[in-house]
Amino acid sequence: CIVLVPQVGSHQCVTLPKRLPDHDLLKDMEPLGWIHTQPNELIQNGAQVLPAPDVVMHAGIIEDNKKLWSGQNEIIITTPILF
């Protein structure tokens, strides 16, 4: 099952709901992560890195949803937008 939460954003930032989705059908499932599209990769010292605002946002999601998301098993996919 894939659940996509409502979000508003651009290639520079995204606003997600404060709480993760909560529904009876999701009770036995755990969040795996989130997907971030961006216009280009951020490379530092030859490795792709997550932009600082995304790190802060992710830490906030974990902090606000400790019962649902342990912060141990998440996946963050960043992918460039190709036109």
N, C-alpha and C. Protein backbone atom coordinates (compact mmCIF):
# COMPACT_ATOMS: atom_id res chain seq x y z
N CYS A 1 0.84 -1.16 0.00
CA CYS A 1 0.00 0.00 0.00
C CYS A 1 0.89 1.24 0.00
N ILE A 2 0.60 2.18 -0.83
CA ILE A 2 1.30 3.45 -0.85
C ILE A 2 0.29 4.54 -0.53
N VAL A 3 0.63 5.36 0.46
CA VAL A 3 -0.22 6.48 0.84
C VAL A 3 0.57 7.74 0.57
N LEU A 4 0.02 8.61 -0.24
CA LEU A 4 0.64 9.89 -0.52
C LEU A 4 -0.16 10.97 0.20
N VAL A 5 0.53 11.67 1.08
CA VAL A 5 -0.17 12.71 1.85
C VAL A 5 -0.27 13.98 1.03
N PRO A 6 -1.25 14.82 1.31
CA PRO A 6 -1.35 16.10 0.60
C PRO A 6 -0.12 16.95 0.89
N GLN A 7 0.36 17.61 -0.13
CA GLN A 7 1.52 18.47 0.04
C GLN A 7 1.47 19.62 -0.94
N VAL A 8 2.08 20.72 -0.55
CA VAL A 8 2.17 21.90 -1.40
C VAL A 8 3.64 22.26 -1.46
N GLY A 9 4.15 22.49 -2.66
CA GLY A 9 5.56 22.82 -2.72
C GLY A 9 6.04 23.15 -4.11
N SER A 10 7.33 23.34 -4.17
CA SER A 10 8.01 23.63 -5.43
C SER A 10 9.33 22.86 -5.40
N HIS A 11 10.21 23.17 -6.35
CA HIS A 11 11.51 22.49 -6.35
C HIS A 11 12.40 22.97 -5.21
N GLN A 12 12.00 24.03 -4.51
CA GLN A 12 12.81 24.58 -3.43
C GLN A 12 12.33 24.20 -2.04
N CYS A 13 11.04 23.94 -1.89
CA CYS A 13 10.54 23.60 -0.56
C CYS A 13 9.21 22.85 -0.69
N VAL A 14 8.81 22.24 0.40
CA VAL A 14 7.53 21.53 0.44
C VAL A 14 6.92 21.73 1.82
N THR A 15 5.61 21.80 1.86
CA THR A 15 4.88 21.87 3.12
C THR A 15 4.05 20.61 3.23
N LEU A 16 4.30 19.85 4.27
CA LEU A 16 3.58 18.62 4.52
C LEU A 16 2.67 18.80 5.73
N PRO A 17 1.67 17.95 5.88
CA PRO A 17 0.84 18.03 7.08
C PRO A 17 1.69 17.78 8.32
N LYS A 18 1.30 18.35 9.44
CA LYS A 18 2.04 18.19 10.69
C LYS A 18 1.99 16.74 11.17
N ARG A 19 0.85 16.08 10.98
CA ARG A 19 0.69 14.69 11.42
C ARG A 19 0.68 13.76 10.22
N LEU A 20 1.18 12.55 10.42
CA LEU A 20 1.13 11.53 9.38
C LEU A 20 -0.30 11.04 9.23
N PRO A 21 -0.65 10.44 8.08
CA PRO A 21 -2.01 9.94 7.89
C PRO A 21 -2.39 8.94 8.99
N ASP A 22 -3.63 8.99 9.43
CA ASP A 22 -4.13 8.11 10.48
C ASP A 22 -5.48 7.57 10.03
N HIS A 23 -5.53 6.26 9.78
CA HIS A 23 -6.77 5.63 9.31
C HIS A 23 -6.73 4.18 9.74
N ASP A 24 -7.89 3.58 9.96
CA ASP A 24 -7.96 2.17 10.39
C ASP A 24 -7.21 1.24 9.43
N LEU A 25 -7.26 1.51 8.13
CA LEU A 25 -6.59 0.65 7.16
C LEU A 25 -5.06 0.75 7.24
N LEU A 26 -4.56 1.77 7.91
CA LEU A 26 -3.11 1.96 8.01
C LEU A 26 -2.55 1.49 9.35
N LYS A 27 -3.38 0.96 10.24
CA LYS A 27 -2.97 0.63 11.60
C LYS A 27 -1.77 -0.32 11.67
N ASP A 28 -1.70 -1.33 10.81
CA ASP A 28 -0.62 -2.32 10.88
C ASP A 28 0.54 -1.99 9.94
N MET A 29 0.57 -0.78 9.43
CA MET A 29 1.62 -0.38 8.51
C MET A 29 2.51 0.68 9.14
N GLU A 30 3.71 0.80 8.60
CA GLU A 30 4.62 1.82 9.10
C GLU A 30 5.12 2.67 7.94
N PRO A 31 5.41 3.93 8.20
CA PRO A 31 5.94 4.78 7.13
C PRO A 31 7.32 4.28 6.69
N LEU A 32 7.58 4.35 5.40
CA LEU A 32 8.88 3.96 4.88
C LEU A 32 9.73 5.17 4.53
N GLY A 33 9.10 6.27 4.15
CA GLY A 33 9.89 7.43 3.80
C GLY A 33 9.10 8.39 2.95
N TRP A 34 9.82 9.22 2.22
CA TRP A 34 9.19 10.21 1.37
C TRP A 34 10.05 10.43 0.14
N ILE A 35 9.46 11.02 -0.87
CA ILE A 35 10.13 11.25 -2.15
C ILE A 35 10.25 12.76 -2.35
N HIS A 36 11.43 13.20 -2.72
CA HIS A 36 11.66 14.63 -3.00
C HIS A 36 12.20 14.77 -4.41
N THR A 37 11.49 15.49 -5.25
CA THR A 37 12.00 15.80 -6.58
C THR A 37 12.66 17.16 -6.54
N GLN A 38 13.74 17.29 -7.26
CA GLN A 38 14.48 18.55 -7.28
C GLN A 38 15.08 18.75 -8.66
N PRO A 39 15.39 20.01 -9.03
CA PRO A 39 15.88 20.27 -10.39
C PRO A 39 17.27 19.72 -10.68
N ASN A 40 18.07 19.52 -9.65
CA ASN A 40 19.40 18.93 -9.86
C ASN A 40 19.88 18.30 -8.55
N GLU A 41 20.88 17.45 -8.67
CA GLU A 41 21.43 16.78 -7.50
C GLU A 41 22.33 17.73 -6.71
N LEU A 42 22.37 17.55 -5.41
CA LEU A 42 23.28 18.30 -4.56
C LEU A 42 24.46 17.37 -4.26
N ILE A 43 25.62 17.71 -4.78
CA ILE A 43 26.81 16.87 -4.62
C ILE A 43 27.81 17.61 -3.73
N GLN A 44 28.29 16.91 -2.71
CA GLN A 44 29.36 17.44 -1.86
C GLN A 44 30.40 16.35 -1.66
N ASN A 45 31.66 16.69 -1.94
CA ASN A 45 32.77 15.72 -1.82
C ASN A 45 32.50 14.45 -2.63
N GLY A 46 31.89 14.62 -3.79
CA GLY A 46 31.66 13.50 -4.69
C GLY A 46 30.48 12.61 -4.34
N ALA A 47 29.69 12.96 -3.34
CA ALA A 47 28.55 12.14 -2.94
C ALA A 47 27.28 12.98 -2.95
N GLN A 48 26.17 12.33 -3.32
CA GLN A 48 24.88 13.02 -3.29
C GLN A 48 24.45 13.17 -1.84
N VAL A 49 24.03 14.37 -1.47
CA VAL A 49 23.60 14.62 -0.09
C VAL A 49 22.20 15.21 -0.08
N LEU A 50 21.56 15.11 1.05
CA LEU A 50 20.23 15.67 1.24
C LEU A 50 20.38 17.14 1.63
N PRO A 51 19.67 18.04 0.97
CA PRO A 51 19.77 19.46 1.33
C PRO A 51 19.40 19.70 2.79
N ALA A 52 20.05 20.66 3.42
CA ALA A 52 19.84 20.95 4.84
C ALA A 52 18.36 21.18 5.20
N PRO A 53 17.59 21.94 4.40
CA PRO A 53 16.17 22.11 4.77
C PRO A 53 15.40 20.78 4.80
N ASP A 54 15.78 19.84 3.94
CA ASP A 54 15.12 18.53 3.95
C ASP A 54 15.48 17.74 5.20
N VAL A 55 16.72 17.85 5.65
CA VAL A 55 17.14 17.18 6.88
C VAL A 55 16.34 17.72 8.06
N VAL A 56 16.20 19.05 8.12
CA VAL A 56 15.44 19.68 9.21
C VAL A 56 13.98 19.26 9.15
N MET A 57 13.38 19.25 7.94
CA MET A 57 11.99 18.85 7.80
C MET A 57 11.80 17.40 8.23
N HIS A 58 12.71 16.53 7.81
CA HIS A 58 12.60 15.11 8.17
C HIS A 58 12.71 14.91 9.68
N ALA A 59 13.64 15.61 10.31
CA ALA A 59 13.77 15.52 11.76
C ALA A 59 12.49 15.98 12.45
N GLY A 60 11.85 17.02 11.91
CA GLY A 60 10.59 17.50 12.48
C GLY A 60 9.48 16.48 12.33
N ILE A 61 9.42 15.80 11.19
CA ILE A 61 8.40 14.76 10.97
C ILE A 61 8.57 13.66 12.01
N ILE A 62 9.80 13.23 12.22
CA ILE A 62 10.06 12.18 13.20
C ILE A 62 9.69 12.65 14.60
N GLU A 63 10.09 13.86 14.94
CA GLU A 63 9.81 14.41 16.28
C GLU A 63 8.30 14.51 16.53
N ASP A 64 7.54 14.92 15.53
CA ASP A 64 6.10 15.10 15.68
C ASP A 64 5.32 13.79 15.64
N ASN A 65 5.96 12.70 15.20
CA ASN A 65 5.25 11.44 15.00
C ASN A 65 6.02 10.27 15.59
N LYS A 66 6.53 10.42 16.80
CA LYS A 66 7.37 9.40 17.43
C LYS A 66 6.68 8.04 17.58
N LYS A 67 5.37 8.05 17.77
CA LYS A 67 4.66 6.77 17.94
C LYS A 67 4.57 5.99 16.64
N LEU A 68 4.58 6.70 15.50
CA LEU A 68 4.43 6.04 14.20
C LEU A 68 5.74 5.83 13.47
N TRP A 69 6.72 6.66 13.76
CA TRP A 69 7.95 6.62 12.98
C TRP A 69 9.14 6.65 13.93
N SER A 70 9.90 5.56 13.94
CA SER A 70 10.98 5.42 14.91
C SER A 70 12.21 6.26 14.57
N GLY A 71 12.36 6.61 13.30
CA GLY A 71 13.57 7.31 12.88
C GLY A 71 14.71 6.36 12.59
N GLN A 72 14.43 5.06 12.58
CA GLN A 72 15.47 4.04 12.36
C GLN A 72 15.43 3.42 10.97
N ASN A 73 14.27 3.40 10.33
CA ASN A 73 14.10 2.61 9.10
C ASN A 73 13.52 3.39 7.94
N GLU A 74 13.84 4.64 7.79
CA GLU A 74 13.20 5.40 6.73
C GLU A 74 14.05 5.48 5.47
N ILE A 75 13.35 5.77 4.39
CA ILE A 75 13.96 5.92 3.07
C ILE A 75 13.60 7.31 2.57
N ILE A 76 14.58 8.05 2.12
CA ILE A 76 14.32 9.34 1.50
C ILE A 76 14.90 9.27 0.08
N ILE A 77 14.04 9.39 -0.90
CA ILE A 77 14.48 9.32 -2.29
C ILE A 77 14.50 10.74 -2.84
N THR A 78 15.66 11.16 -3.34
CA THR A 78 15.72 12.44 -4.02
C THR A 78 16.02 12.14 -5.48
N THR A 79 15.30 12.77 -6.35
CA THR A 79 15.48 12.52 -7.77
C THR A 79 15.38 13.82 -8.54
N PRO A 80 16.27 14.01 -9.49
CA PRO A 80 16.16 15.22 -10.30
C PRO A 80 14.94 15.17 -11.21
N ILE A 81 14.38 16.33 -11.48
CA ILE A 81 13.27 16.44 -12.44
C ILE A 81 13.89 16.60 -13.81
N LEU A 82 13.53 15.74 -14.71
CA LEU A 82 14.07 15.80 -16.07
C LEU A 82 12.99 16.25 -17.04
N PHE A 83 13.26 17.30 -17.78
CA PHE A 83 12.32 17.78 -18.78
C PHE A 83 12.92 17.65 -20.15
